[in-house]
Amino acid sequence: MALGYIGKGLARFLAQPRERYRRGPSSRPELLAATLRRGDVLLVEGSSRFSSAIKYLTQSTWSHAALCLGAASAGDEPGFVDVDVNDGVRTVPLSEFSDFHVRICRPVGLSAGEIDAVAGYMLARLGDSYDLKNVFDLARYLVRQPPVPDPLKRRMIALGSGEPTRAICSTLLAQAFGSIRYPILPEIELHDTTTPGGRRAVAEILHIRHYSLYTPRDFDVSPFFQVVKPRLQAPFDFRRLVWSDAEAVAGTPL
C-alpha cells in the first residue's frame, strides 16, 4: 500500500509540465475534428516530465497515443479512449488534446465490425489504473539520462508489471489491434519459395511482437497505418496562403 501511495505521488509529479517550449496545434480544431474517424489513432506530443522520458527513450516526437471513438452524434466533437498516468483508462473529448501537436494514424482496410471490436476492447478496460511500475522505471531515466544503446531503449519501456488491470497507452492499443490480428509493426520473416513455373518468390511471414514492446512512434512508422494530414484532406491551394511578408521566399515556415 505504501508503494502504491508513493507511486501515485510520483505520477502526479511526472504529469507536471517540464518543457519550456511546446509546439502548438498543427491543425485548427474544427479541421481536425472533421478529419478524424472512428478507429484512428491520435499521436500526441506531450510536454510533461513523463512525456519527456517517453520521447527520450523512443527517440521520437510522440509521447502519447489514444483511440478515436468518433462523434456520438452530429455536431459533437470526437471522443477518445485515453490512458492517463493519474486517471488510468478513461474517455475524453478531442478538446483534451487541443493545445498539442498531434498526428492522425489510420488503420487501412478495417470493416465497421472490426473497428467496433478494437474500440470495444479499449472500452472494456475503462477504469483500469495506469501501470505505476512503468512510472518508476521511467523516473530513473528522468533523474539521470544515461547514453543507452538504441536496441535497449525499447526494452526499457517493457518493464511494466503486466497486471491485467493496469495499462499503458501504446501497449493497450497494441492489445486492441492484436485482438483482431491487425499488424502495427510486426517482425517480418522472409522465406524464399519456388513457384510451379520455376520462378523464385519471397513470402513474408509476420510475427506479432509482444504488446509490451510497442511505443507511440510505432504507429507513425508502421507501414500498415496511413498518416492523415487534415490540411490536405480539404481542397488545398498553396497560392491562397496569406504570408506575413509579401517578399517571403519558398521554404519560409507558415
C-alpha atoms as a PDB file:
ATOM      1  CA  MET A   1       0.000   0.000   0.000  1.00  0.00           C
ATOM      2  CA  ALA A   2       2.850   2.355   0.831  1.00  0.00           C
ATOM      3  CA  LEU A   3       4.418   1.658  -2.545  1.00  0.00           C
ATOM      4  CA  GLY A   4       1.141   2.436  -4.278  1.00  0.00           C
ATOM      5  CA  TYR A   5       0.829   5.740  -2.382  1.00  0.00           C
ATOM      6  CA  ILE A   6       4.362   6.710  -3.360  1.00  0.00           C
ATOM      7  CA  GLY A   7       3.651   5.713  -6.958  1.00  0.00           C
ATOM      8  CA  LYS A   8       0.581   7.950  -7.164  1.00  0.00           C
ATOM      9  CA  GLY A   9       2.564  10.872  -5.801  1.00  0.00           C
ATOM     10  CA  LEU A  10       5.306  10.224  -8.317  1.00  0.00           C
ATOM     11  CA  ALA A  11       2.748  10.013 -11.113  1.00  0.00           C
ATOM     12  CA  ARG A  12       1.371  13.448 -10.172  1.00  0.00           C
ATOM     13  CA  PHE A  13       4.927  14.828 -10.223  1.00  0.00           C
ATOM     14  CA  LEU A  14       5.690  13.306 -13.615  1.00  0.00           C
ATOM     15  CA  ALA A  15       2.442  14.648 -15.083  1.00  0.00           C
ATOM     16  CA  GLN A  16       3.517  18.262 -14.472  1.00  0.00           C
ATOM     17  CA  PRO A  17       4.794  20.318 -17.439  1.00  0.00           C
ATOM     18  CA  ARG A  18       8.540  20.269 -17.937  1.00  0.00           C
ATOM     19  CA  GLU A  19       9.355  21.694 -21.335  1.00  0.00           C
ATOM     20  CA  ARG A  20       9.625  25.458 -21.649  1.00  0.00           C
ATOM     21  CA  TYR A  21       8.945  25.302 -25.365  1.00  0.00           C
ATOM     22  CA  ARG A  22       5.935  23.431 -26.651  1.00  0.00           C
ATOM     23  CA  ARG A  23       4.926  23.193 -30.278  1.00  0.00           C
ATOM     24  CA  GLY A  24       1.347  24.364 -30.739  1.00  0.00           C
ATOM     25  CA  PRO A  25      -1.521  22.646 -32.552  1.00  0.00           C
ATOM     26  CA  SER A  26      -0.703  21.535 -36.082  1.00  0.00           C
ATOM     27  CA  SER A  27      -4.310  21.928 -37.305  1.00  0.00           C
ATOM     28  CA  ARG A  28      -7.334  24.009 -36.426  1.00  0.00           C
ATOM     29  CA  PRO A  29      -9.665  22.103 -34.037  1.00  0.00           C
ATOM     30  CA  GLU A  30     -12.607  22.123 -36.437  1.00  0.00           C
ATOM     31  CA  LEU A  31     -10.426  20.796 -39.278  1.00  0.00           C
ATOM     32  CA  LEU A  32      -9.002  18.075 -37.053  1.00  0.00           C
ATOM     33  CA  ALA A  33     -12.479  17.091 -35.851  1.00  0.00           C
ATOM     34  CA  ALA A  34     -13.798  16.886 -39.422  1.00  0.00           C
ATOM     35  CA  THR A  35     -10.909  14.626 -40.471  1.00  0.00           C
ATOM     36  CA  LEU A  36     -10.909  12.127 -37.595  1.00  0.00           C
ATOM     37  CA  ARG A  37     -12.693   8.793 -37.995  1.00  0.00           C
ATOM     38  CA  ARG A  38     -13.642   6.066 -35.562  1.00  0.00           C
ATOM     39  CA  GLY A  39     -10.660   3.713 -35.206  1.00  0.00           C
ATOM     40  CA  ASP A  40      -7.991   6.360 -35.870  1.00  0.00           C
ATOM     41  CA  VAL A  41      -5.000   6.503 -33.543  1.00  0.00           C
ATOM     42  CA  LEU A  42      -4.139  10.040 -32.438  1.00  0.00           C
ATOM     43  CA  LEU A  43      -0.485  10.586 -31.545  1.00  0.00           C
ATOM     44  CA  VAL A  44       0.287  13.444 -29.172  1.00  0.00           C
ATOM     45  CA  GLU A  45       3.490  15.367 -28.493  1.00  0.00           C
ATOM     46  CA  GLY A  46       3.167  15.933 -24.754  1.00  0.00           C
ATOM     47  CA  SER A  47       5.119  18.397 -22.614  1.00  0.00           C
ATOM     48  CA  SER A  48       5.122  16.769 -19.165  1.00  0.00           C
ATOM     49  CA  ARG A  49       8.106  15.260 -17.375  1.00  0.00           C
ATOM     50  CA  PHE A  50       6.643  11.874 -18.191  1.00  0.00           C
ATOM     51  CA  SER A  51       6.365  12.773 -21.896  1.00  0.00           C
ATOM     52  CA  SER A  52       9.999  13.901 -21.937  1.00  0.00           C
ATOM     53  CA  ALA A  53      11.095  10.462 -20.765  1.00  0.00           C
ATOM     54  CA  ILE A  54       8.975   8.687 -23.390  1.00  0.00           C
ATOM     55  CA  LYS A  55      10.345  10.883 -26.179  1.00  0.00           C
ATOM     56  CA  TYR A  56      13.921  10.368 -24.986  1.00  0.00           C
ATOM     57  CA  LEU A  57      13.643   6.594 -24.710  1.00  0.00           C
ATOM     58  CA  THR A  58      11.912   6.213 -28.086  1.00  0.00           C
ATOM     59  CA  GLN A  59      13.847   8.981 -29.883  1.00  0.00           C
ATOM     60  CA  SER A  60      10.531  10.241 -31.218  1.00  0.00           C
ATOM     61  CA  THR A  61       8.298  13.301 -31.281  1.00  0.00           C
ATOM     62  CA  TRP A  62       5.336  11.314 -29.943  1.00  0.00           C
ATOM     63  CA  SER A  63       4.831  10.558 -26.261  1.00  0.00           C
ATOM     64  CA  HIS A  64       1.180   9.525 -26.148  1.00  0.00           C
ATOM     65  CA  ALA A  65      -1.463   7.712 -28.205  1.00  0.00           C
ATOM     66  CA  ALA A  66      -5.272   7.499 -27.948  1.00  0.00           C
ATOM     67  CA  LEU A  67      -8.002   5.713 -29.923  1.00  0.00           C
ATOM     68  CA  CYS A  68     -10.707   7.771 -31.632  1.00  0.00           C
ATOM     69  CA  LEU A  69     -14.281   6.612 -30.971  1.00  0.00           C
ATOM     70  CA  GLY A  70     -15.836   9.097 -33.367  1.00  0.00           C
ATOM     71  CA  ALA A  71     -18.596  11.563 -32.501  1.00  0.00           C
ATOM     72  CA  ALA A  72     -21.613  10.366 -30.509  1.00  0.00           C
ATOM     73  CA  SER A  73     -23.930  12.432 -32.709  1.00  0.00           C
ATOM     74  CA  ALA A  74     -23.762  15.058 -35.439  1.00  0.00           C
ATOM     75  CA  GLY A  75     -22.186  18.257 -34.182  1.00  0.00           C
ATOM     76  CA  ASP A  76     -20.410  16.617 -31.237  1.00  0.00           C
ATOM     77  CA  GLU A  77     -16.639  16.571 -31.070  1.00  0.00           C
ATOM     78  CA  PRO A  78     -14.968  13.169 -31.426  1.00  0.00           C
ATOM     79  CA  GLY A  79     -14.292  11.192 -28.258  1.00  0.00           C
ATOM     80  CA  PHE A  80     -11.269   9.033 -27.388  1.00  0.00           C
ATOM     81  CA  VAL A  81     -10.250   6.170 -25.142  1.00  0.00           C
ATOM     82  CA  ASP A  82      -7.197   7.523 -23.370  1.00  0.00           C
ATOM     83  CA  VAL A  83      -4.809   6.135 -20.737  1.00  0.00           C
ATOM     84  CA  ASP A  84      -3.735   8.822 -18.277  1.00  0.00           C
ATOM     85  CA  VAL A  85      -0.911   8.429 -15.765  1.00  0.00           C
ATOM     86  CA  ASN A  86      -3.151   9.779 -12.979  1.00  0.00           C
ATOM     87  CA  ASP A  87      -6.670   8.754 -14.008  1.00  0.00           C
ATOM     88  CA  GLY A  88      -5.991   5.451 -15.774  1.00  0.00           C
ATOM     89  CA  VAL A  89      -8.152   4.304 -18.707  1.00  0.00           C
ATOM     90  CA  ARG A  90     -10.865   6.881 -19.431  1.00  0.00           C
ATOM     91  CA  THR A  91     -12.819   8.547 -22.218  1.00  0.00           C
ATOM     92  CA  VAL A  92     -12.055  12.159 -23.148  1.00  0.00           C
ATOM     93  CA  PRO A  93     -13.194  14.631 -25.832  1.00  0.00           C
ATOM     94  CA  LEU A  94     -10.930  15.922 -28.594  1.00  0.00           C
ATOM     95  CA  SER A  95     -10.544  19.198 -26.676  1.00  0.00           C
ATOM     96  CA  GLU A  96      -8.303  17.297 -24.222  1.00  0.00           C
ATOM     97  CA  PHE A  97      -5.587  17.486 -26.904  1.00  0.00           C
ATOM     98  CA  SER A  98      -6.459  20.878 -28.409  1.00  0.00           C
ATOM     99  CA  ASP A  99      -3.246  22.583 -27.225  1.00  0.00           C
ATOM    100  CA  PHE A 100      -0.886  19.923 -28.519  1.00  0.00           C
ATOM    101  CA  HIS A 101       0.846  18.973 -31.727  1.00  0.00           C
ATOM    102  CA  VAL A 102      -0.850  15.775 -32.929  1.00  0.00           C
ATOM    103  CA  ARG A 103      -0.835  13.295 -35.800  1.00  0.00           C
ATOM    104  CA  ILE A 104      -3.598  11.050 -37.140  1.00  0.00           C
ATOM    105  CA  CYS A 105      -2.612   7.451 -37.953  1.00  0.00           C
ATOM    106  CA  ARG A 106      -5.366   5.469 -39.681  1.00  0.00           C
ATOM    107  CA  PRO A 107      -5.531   1.663 -39.994  1.00  0.00           C
ATOM    108  CA  VAL A 108      -6.343   0.615 -43.547  1.00  0.00           C
ATOM    109  CA  GLY A 109      -8.958  -1.868 -44.705  1.00  0.00           C
ATOM    110  CA  LEU A 110     -10.847  -2.470 -41.460  1.00  0.00           C
ATOM    111  CA  SER A 111     -14.580  -3.177 -41.619  1.00  0.00           C
ATOM    112  CA  ALA A 112     -17.013  -1.368 -39.319  1.00  0.00           C
ATOM    113  CA  GLY A 113     -17.298  -4.546 -37.241  1.00  0.00           C
ATOM    114  CA  GLU A 114     -13.521  -4.833 -36.839  1.00  0.00           C
ATOM    115  CA  ILE A 115     -13.258  -1.190 -35.785  1.00  0.00           C
ATOM    116  CA  ASP A 116     -16.030  -1.808 -33.255  1.00  0.00           C
ATOM    117  CA  ALA A 117     -14.078  -4.786 -31.927  1.00  0.00           C
ATOM    118  CA  VAL A 118     -10.961  -2.656 -31.402  1.00  0.00           C
ATOM    119  CA  ALA A 119     -12.995   0.091 -29.724  1.00  0.00           C
ATOM    120  CA  GLY A 120     -14.833  -2.469 -27.612  1.00  0.00           C
ATOM    121  CA  TYR A 121     -11.565  -3.945 -26.388  1.00  0.00           C
ATOM    122  CA  MET A 122     -10.422  -0.497 -25.254  1.00  0.00           C
ATOM    123  CA  LEU A 123     -13.774   0.402 -23.677  1.00  0.00           C
ATOM    124  CA  ALA A 124     -13.798  -2.847 -21.705  1.00  0.00           C
ATOM    125  CA  ARG A 125     -10.695  -1.592 -19.882  1.00  0.00           C
ATOM    126  CA  LEU A 126     -12.270   1.670 -18.674  1.00  0.00           C
ATOM    127  CA  GLY A 127     -11.376   2.270 -15.051  1.00  0.00           C
ATOM    128  CA  ASP A 128      -8.145   0.260 -15.124  1.00  0.00           C
ATOM    129  CA  SER A 129      -5.260   2.084 -13.490  1.00  0.00           C
ATOM    130  CA  TYR A 130      -2.008   3.141 -15.106  1.00  0.00           C
ATOM    131  CA  ASP A 131       0.881   0.713 -14.717  1.00  0.00           C
ATOM    132  CA  LEU A 132       2.735   2.553 -11.962  1.00  0.00           C
ATOM    133  CA  LYS A 133       5.687   0.179 -12.112  1.00  0.00           C
ATOM    134  CA  ASN A 134       6.302   1.653 -15.532  1.00  0.00           C
ATOM    135  CA  VAL A 135       6.302   5.096 -13.873  1.00  0.00           C
ATOM    136  CA  PHE A 136       9.110   4.036 -11.537  1.00  0.00           C
ATOM    137  CA  ASP A 137      11.116   2.620 -14.441  1.00  0.00           C
ATOM    138  CA  LEU A 138      10.807   5.842 -16.453  1.00  0.00           C
ATOM    139  CA  ALA A 139      11.553   8.055 -13.440  1.00  0.00           C
ATOM    140  CA  ARG A 140      15.044   6.590 -13.238  1.00  0.00           C
ATOM    141  CA  TYR A 141      15.781   7.980 -16.678  1.00  0.00           C
ATOM    142  CA  LEU A 142      14.356  11.412 -15.863  1.00  0.00           C
ATOM    143  CA  VAL A 143      16.684  11.877 -12.914  1.00  0.00           C
ATOM    144  CA  ARG A 144      19.666  10.737 -14.938  1.00  0.00           C
ATOM    145  CA  GLN A 145      19.598  10.086 -18.662  1.00  0.00           C
ATOM    146  CA  PRO A 146      22.439   7.651 -19.480  1.00  0.00           C
ATOM    147  CA  PRO A 147      23.758   7.041 -23.015  1.00  0.00           C
ATOM    148  CA  VAL A 148      21.583   3.986 -23.606  1.00  0.00           C
ATOM    149  CA  PRO A 149      22.204   1.911 -26.769  1.00  0.00           C
ATOM    150  CA  ASP A 150      19.257   2.095 -29.168  1.00  0.00           C
ATOM    151  CA  PRO A 151      18.436  -1.658 -29.038  1.00  0.00           C
ATOM    152  CA  LEU A 152      17.926  -1.389 -25.264  1.00  0.00           C
ATOM    153  CA  LYS A 153      15.645   1.650 -25.227  1.00  0.00           C
ATOM    154  CA  ARG A 154      12.562  -0.268 -26.349  1.00  0.00           C
ATOM    155  CA  ARG A 155      13.219  -2.947 -23.721  1.00  0.00           C
ATOM    156  CA  MET A 156      13.205  -0.260 -21.031  1.00  0.00           C
ATOM    157  CA  ILE A 157       9.612   0.581 -21.916  1.00  0.00           C
ATOM    158  CA  ALA A 158       8.646  -3.083 -21.435  1.00  0.00           C
ATOM    159  CA  LEU A 159       9.360  -3.128 -17.716  1.00  0.00           C
ATOM    160  CA  GLY A 160       5.771  -2.730 -16.511  1.00  0.00           C
ATOM    161  CA  SER A 161       4.097  -5.027 -14.024  1.00  0.00           C
ATOM    162  CA  GLY A 162       1.996  -6.808 -16.647  1.00  0.00           C
ATOM    163  CA  GLU A 163      -1.042  -6.961 -14.350  1.00  0.00           C
ATOM    164  CA  PRO A 164      -4.296  -7.263 -16.360  1.00  0.00           C
ATOM    165  CA  THR A 165      -5.944  -4.334 -14.520  1.00  0.00           C
ATOM    166  CA  ARG A 166      -3.107  -1.950 -15.371  1.00  0.00           C
ATOM    167  CA  ALA A 167      -2.388  -0.333 -18.722  1.00  0.00           C
ATOM    168  CA  ILE A 168      -0.073   1.918 -20.721  1.00  0.00           C
ATOM    169  CA  CYS A 169      -1.421   3.867 -23.716  1.00  0.00           C
ATOM    170  CA  SER A 170       0.545   2.252 -26.555  1.00  0.00           C
ATOM    171  CA  THR A 171       0.503  -1.248 -25.084  1.00  0.00           C
ATOM    172  CA  LEU A 172      -3.276  -1.196 -24.627  1.00  0.00           C
ATOM    173  CA  LEU A 173      -3.678  -0.059 -28.230  1.00  0.00           C
ATOM    174  CA  ALA A 174      -1.356  -2.853 -29.343  1.00  0.00           C
ATOM    175  CA  GLN A 175      -3.501  -5.370 -27.469  1.00  0.00           C
ATOM    176  CA  ALA A 176      -6.677  -3.959 -29.022  1.00  0.00           C
ATOM    177  CA  PHE A 177      -5.414  -4.180 -32.604  1.00  0.00           C
ATOM    178  CA  GLY A 178      -3.802  -7.523 -31.821  1.00  0.00           C
ATOM    179  CA  SER A 179      -7.221  -8.863 -30.803  1.00  0.00           C
ATOM    180  CA  ILE A 180      -8.258  -8.719 -34.488  1.00  0.00           C
ATOM    181  CA  ARG A 181      -4.738  -9.586 -35.701  1.00  0.00           C
ATOM    182  CA  TYR A 182      -4.214  -6.218 -37.360  1.00  0.00           C
ATOM    183  CA  PRO A 183      -0.458  -5.540 -37.736  1.00  0.00           C
ATOM    184  CA  ILE A 184       1.261  -2.481 -36.300  1.00  0.00           C
ATOM    185  CA  LEU A 185       4.988  -3.054 -36.626  1.00  0.00           C
ATOM    186  CA  PRO A 186       5.499  -6.823 -36.659  1.00  0.00           C
ATOM    187  CA  GLU A 187       8.743  -8.680 -37.096  1.00  0.00           C
ATOM    188  CA  ILE A 188       8.885  -9.862 -40.714  1.00  0.00           C
ATOM    189  CA  GLU A 189      10.444 -13.198 -41.624  1.00  0.00           C
ATOM    190  CA  LEU A 190      11.314 -13.671 -45.307  1.00  0.00           C
ATOM    191  CA  HIS A 191      11.198 -17.097 -46.950  1.00  0.00           C
ATOM    192  CA  ASP A 192      12.354 -17.946 -50.459  1.00  0.00           C
ATOM    193  CA  THR A 193       9.838 -20.101 -52.284  1.00  0.00           C
ATOM    194  CA  THR A 194       9.849 -21.678 -55.704  1.00  0.00           C
ATOM    195  CA  THR A 195       6.703 -21.416 -57.816  1.00  0.00           C
ATOM    196  CA  PRO A 196       5.485 -24.287 -60.051  1.00  0.00           C
ATOM    197  CA  GLY A 197       6.801 -22.382 -63.053  1.00  0.00           C
ATOM    198  CA  GLY A 198      10.309 -22.427 -61.670  1.00  0.00           C
ATOM    199  CA  ARG A 199      10.318 -18.786 -60.642  1.00  0.00           C
ATOM    200  CA  ARG A 200      11.515 -17.762 -57.206  1.00  0.00           C
ATOM    201  CA  ALA A 201       9.395 -15.599 -54.947  1.00  0.00           C
ATOM    202  CA  VAL A 202       9.675 -14.232 -51.437  1.00  0.00           C
ATOM    203  CA  ALA A 203       6.975 -14.959 -48.889  1.00  0.00           C
ATOM    204  CA  GLU A 204       6.546 -12.658 -45.897  1.00  0.00           C
ATOM    205  CA  ILE A 205       5.555 -14.233 -42.596  1.00  0.00           C
ATOM    206  CA  LEU A 206       4.552 -11.746 -39.917  1.00  0.00           C
ATOM    207  CA  HIS A 207       5.310 -12.341 -36.257  1.00  0.00           C
ATOM    208  CA  ILE A 208       3.321 -10.140 -33.852  1.00  0.00           C
ATOM    209  CA  ARG A 209       5.627  -8.651 -31.231  1.00  0.00           C
ATOM    210  CA  HIS A 210       4.613  -8.736 -27.590  1.00  0.00           C
ATOM    211  CA  TYR A 211       2.283  -5.828 -26.837  1.00  0.00           C
ATOM    212  CA  SER A 212       4.561  -4.503 -24.060  1.00  0.00           C
ATOM    213  CA  LEU A 213       7.219  -3.628 -26.656  1.00  0.00           C
ATOM    214  CA  TYR A 214       5.087  -1.073 -28.536  1.00  0.00           C
ATOM    215  CA  THR A 215       5.513   2.682 -28.200  1.00  0.00           C
ATOM    216  CA  PRO A 216       3.567   5.628 -29.712  1.00  0.00           C
ATOM    217  CA  ARG A 217       6.117   6.107 -32.525  1.00  0.00           C
ATOM    218  CA  ASP A 218       5.384   2.627 -33.873  1.00  0.00           C
ATOM    219  CA  PHE A 219       2.001   3.786 -35.175  1.00  0.00           C
ATOM    220  CA  ASP A 220       3.748   6.623 -37.024  1.00  0.00           C
ATOM    221  CA  VAL A 221       6.371   4.445 -38.736  1.00  0.00           C
ATOM    222  CA  SER A 222       4.073   1.451 -39.275  1.00  0.00           C
ATOM    223  CA  PRO A 223       3.613   0.521 -42.968  1.00  0.00           C
ATOM    224  CA  PHE A 224       0.037  -0.503 -42.103  1.00  0.00           C
ATOM    225  CA  PHE A 225      -1.186   2.862 -40.749  1.00  0.00           C
ATOM    226  CA  GLN A 226      -1.802   5.819 -43.043  1.00  0.00           C
ATOM    227  CA  VAL A 227      -0.681   9.243 -41.830  1.00  0.00           C
ATOM    228  CA  VAL A 228      -3.606  11.606 -42.439  1.00  0.00           C
ATOM    229  CA  LYS A 229      -2.984  15.363 -42.566  1.00  0.00           C
ATOM    230  CA  PRO A 230      -6.155  17.448 -42.038  1.00  0.00           C
ATOM    231  CA  ARG A 231      -4.971  20.419 -44.102  1.00  0.00           C
ATOM    232  CA  LEU A 232      -4.562  18.201 -47.163  1.00  0.00           C
ATOM    233  CA  GLN A 233      -7.930  16.452 -46.836  1.00  0.00           C
ATOM    234  CA  ALA A 234      -9.782  19.618 -47.832  1.00  0.00           C
ATOM    235  CA  PRO A 235      -9.007  21.344 -51.134  1.00  0.00           C
ATOM    236  CA  PHE A 236      -5.545  22.864 -50.702  1.00  0.00           C
ATOM    237  CA  ASP A 237      -4.005  25.590 -52.834  1.00  0.00           C
ATOM    238  CA  PHE A 238      -0.699  26.999 -51.606  1.00  0.00           C
ATOM    239  CA  ARG A 239      -1.259  30.099 -53.785  1.00  0.00           C
ATOM    240  CA  ARG A 240      -4.036  31.216 -51.438  1.00  0.00           C
ATOM    241  CA  LEU A 241      -1.866  31.193 -48.327  1.00  0.00           C
ATOM    242  CA  VAL A 242      -1.508  34.556 -46.604  1.00  0.00           C
ATOM    243  CA  TRP A 243       2.105  35.357 -45.730  1.00  0.00           C
ATOM    244  CA  SER A 244       3.178  37.934 -43.150  1.00  0.00           C
ATOM    245  CA  ASP A 245       5.855  39.250 -45.536  1.00  0.00           C
ATOM    246  CA  ALA A 246       4.967  39.941 -49.151  1.00  0.00           C
ATOM    247  CA  GLU A 247       8.545  39.057 -50.137  1.00  0.00           C
ATOM    248  CA  ALA A 248       8.599  35.724 -48.278  1.00  0.00           C
ATOM    249  CA  VAL A 249      10.631  33.156 -50.140  1.00  0.00           C
ATOM    250  CA  ALA A 250       9.920  29.500 -50.696  1.00  0.00           C
ATOM    251  CA  GLY A 251      10.705  27.455 -47.637  1.00  0.00           C
ATOM    252  CA  THR A 252       9.611  30.102 -45.148  1.00  0.00           C
ATOM    253  CA  PRO A 253       7.565  28.319 -42.456  1.00  0.00           C
ATOM    254  CA  LEU A 254       3.838  29.019 -42.186  1.00  0.00           C
END
